[in-house]
C-alpha atoms as a PDB file:
ATOM      1  CA  MET A   1      -1.684  21.477  -9.934  1.00  0.00           C
ATOM      2  CA  PRO A   2      -0.811  18.241  -8.233  1.00  0.00           C
ATOM      3  CA  PRO A   3      -3.577  15.984  -7.131  1.00  0.00           C
ATOM      4  CA  ALA A   4      -4.953  16.405  -3.656  1.00  0.00           C
ATOM      5  CA  PRO A   5      -4.073  13.862  -0.942  1.00  0.00           C
ATOM      6  CA  ARG A   6      -6.511  10.937  -0.769  1.00  0.00           C
ATOM      7  CA  PHE A   7      -7.611   7.912   1.156  1.00  0.00           C
ATOM      8  CA  GLU A   8      -7.797   4.748  -0.906  1.00  0.00           C
ATOM      9  CA  VAL A   9      -9.884   1.853   0.094  1.00  0.00           C
ATOM     10  CA  TYR A  10      -9.036  -1.446  -1.394  1.00  0.00           C
ATOM     11  CA  GLN A  11      -9.432  -5.227  -0.899  1.00  0.00           C
ATOM     12  CA  ASP A  12      -6.163  -7.277  -0.231  1.00  0.00           C
ATOM     13  CA  ASN A  13      -5.116 -10.682  -1.361  1.00  0.00           C
ATOM     14  CA  ALA A  14      -6.846 -12.154   1.826  1.00  0.00           C
ATOM     15  CA  ASP A  15     -10.131 -10.421   0.810  1.00  0.00           C
ATOM     16  CA  GLU A  16      -9.743  -8.012   3.743  1.00  0.00           C
ATOM     17  CA  TRP A  17     -10.546  -4.391   3.358  1.00  0.00           C
ATOM     18  CA  ARG A  18      -7.841  -1.771   3.995  1.00  0.00           C
ATOM     19  CA  TRP A  19      -7.175   1.894   3.531  1.00  0.00           C
ATOM     20  CA  ARG A  20      -4.045   3.942   2.692  1.00  0.00           C
ATOM     21  CA  LEU A  21      -3.385   7.701   2.619  1.00  0.00           C
ATOM     22  CA  VAL A  22      -1.663   8.729  -0.608  1.00  0.00           C
ATOM     23  CA  VAL A  23      -0.122  12.204  -0.989  1.00  0.00           C
ATOM     24  CA  ALA A  24       0.325  14.270  -4.221  1.00  0.00           C
ATOM     25  CA  ASN A  25       3.490  12.643  -5.168  1.00  0.00           C
ATOM     26  CA  GLY A  26       2.072   9.095  -5.073  1.00  0.00           C
ATOM     27  CA  ASN A  27       3.791   8.153  -1.837  1.00  0.00           C
ATOM     28  CA  ILE A  28       1.790   6.229   0.750  1.00  0.00           C
ATOM     29  CA  ILE A  29       2.236   8.104   4.206  1.00  0.00           C
ATOM     30  CA  ALA A  30      -0.143   6.073   6.299  1.00  0.00           C
ATOM     31  CA  ASP A  31      -2.212   2.849   6.170  1.00  0.00           C
ATOM     32  CA  SER A  32      -4.659   0.888   8.152  1.00  0.00           C
ATOM     33  CA  GLY A  33      -2.135  -1.627   9.498  1.00  0.00           C
ATOM     34  CA  GLU A  34      -4.918  -4.140   9.791  1.00  0.00           C
ATOM     35  CA  GLY A  35      -7.595  -5.651   7.537  1.00  0.00           C
ATOM     36  CA  TYR A  36     -11.295  -5.116   8.028  1.00  0.00           C
ATOM     37  CA  ALA A  37     -14.146  -7.504   7.270  1.00  0.00           C
ATOM     38  CA  SER A  38     -16.066  -4.952   5.330  1.00  0.00           C
ATOM     39  CA  LYS A  39     -15.537  -1.841   3.133  1.00  0.00           C
ATOM     40  CA  GLN A  40     -17.699   0.015   5.680  1.00  0.00           C
ATOM     41  CA  GLY A  41     -15.263  -0.984   8.430  1.00  0.00           C
ATOM     42  CA  ALA A  42     -12.340   0.440   6.537  1.00  0.00           C
ATOM     43  CA  LYS A  43     -14.168   3.649   5.975  1.00  0.00           C
ATOM     44  CA  ARG A  44     -14.952   3.902   9.685  1.00  0.00           C
ATOM     45  CA  GLY A  45     -11.271   3.478  10.271  1.00  0.00           C
ATOM     46  CA  ILE A  46     -10.561   6.425   7.987  1.00  0.00           C
ATOM     47  CA  GLU A  47     -13.187   8.600   9.799  1.00  0.00           C
ATOM     48  CA  SER A  48     -11.534   7.612  13.121  1.00  0.00           C
ATOM     49  CA  VAL A  49      -8.134   8.705  11.924  1.00  0.00           C
ATOM     50  CA  LYS A  50      -9.437  11.879  10.510  1.00  0.00           C
ATOM     51  CA  SER A  51     -11.257  12.895  13.780  1.00  0.00           C
ATOM     52  CA  SER A  52      -8.299  11.917  15.968  1.00  0.00           C
ATOM     53  CA  VAL A  53      -5.384  13.692  14.035  1.00  0.00           C
ATOM     54  CA  PRO A  54      -6.013  17.255  15.281  1.00  0.00           C
ATOM     55  CA  ALA A  55      -5.634  16.119  18.906  1.00  0.00           C
ATOM     56  CA  ALA A  56      -2.732  13.791  18.316  1.00  0.00           C
ATOM     57  CA  ALA A  57       0.435  14.650  20.252  1.00  0.00           C
ATOM     58  CA  VAL A  58       3.945  14.366  18.773  1.00  0.00           C
ATOM     59  CA  VAL A  59       6.122  12.069  20.976  1.00  0.00           C
ATOM     60  CA  THR A  60       9.741  11.254  20.640  1.00  0.00           C
ATOM     61  CA  LYS A  61      10.552   7.770  21.811  1.00  0.00           C
ATOM     62  CA  GLU A  62      13.848   7.079  23.371  1.00  0.00           C
ATOM     63  CA  GLU A  63      15.872   4.039  22.408  1.00  0.00           C
ATOM     64  CA  GLU A  64      15.304   1.251  24.896  1.00  0.00           C
END
């Protein structure tokens, strides 16, 4: 059985905390896009994404 998707919290080269969502095949399908000053801040970012996803709309952007 492949591993379940997981959020990884890590510290980058600038000593900022970030998160990424890794799926079973090891691909990263989402990341924080910004660094956080604390590990707790990154974890709050994960919780924000998790609570927002069910309500997220799918929008197709037209070329400008």
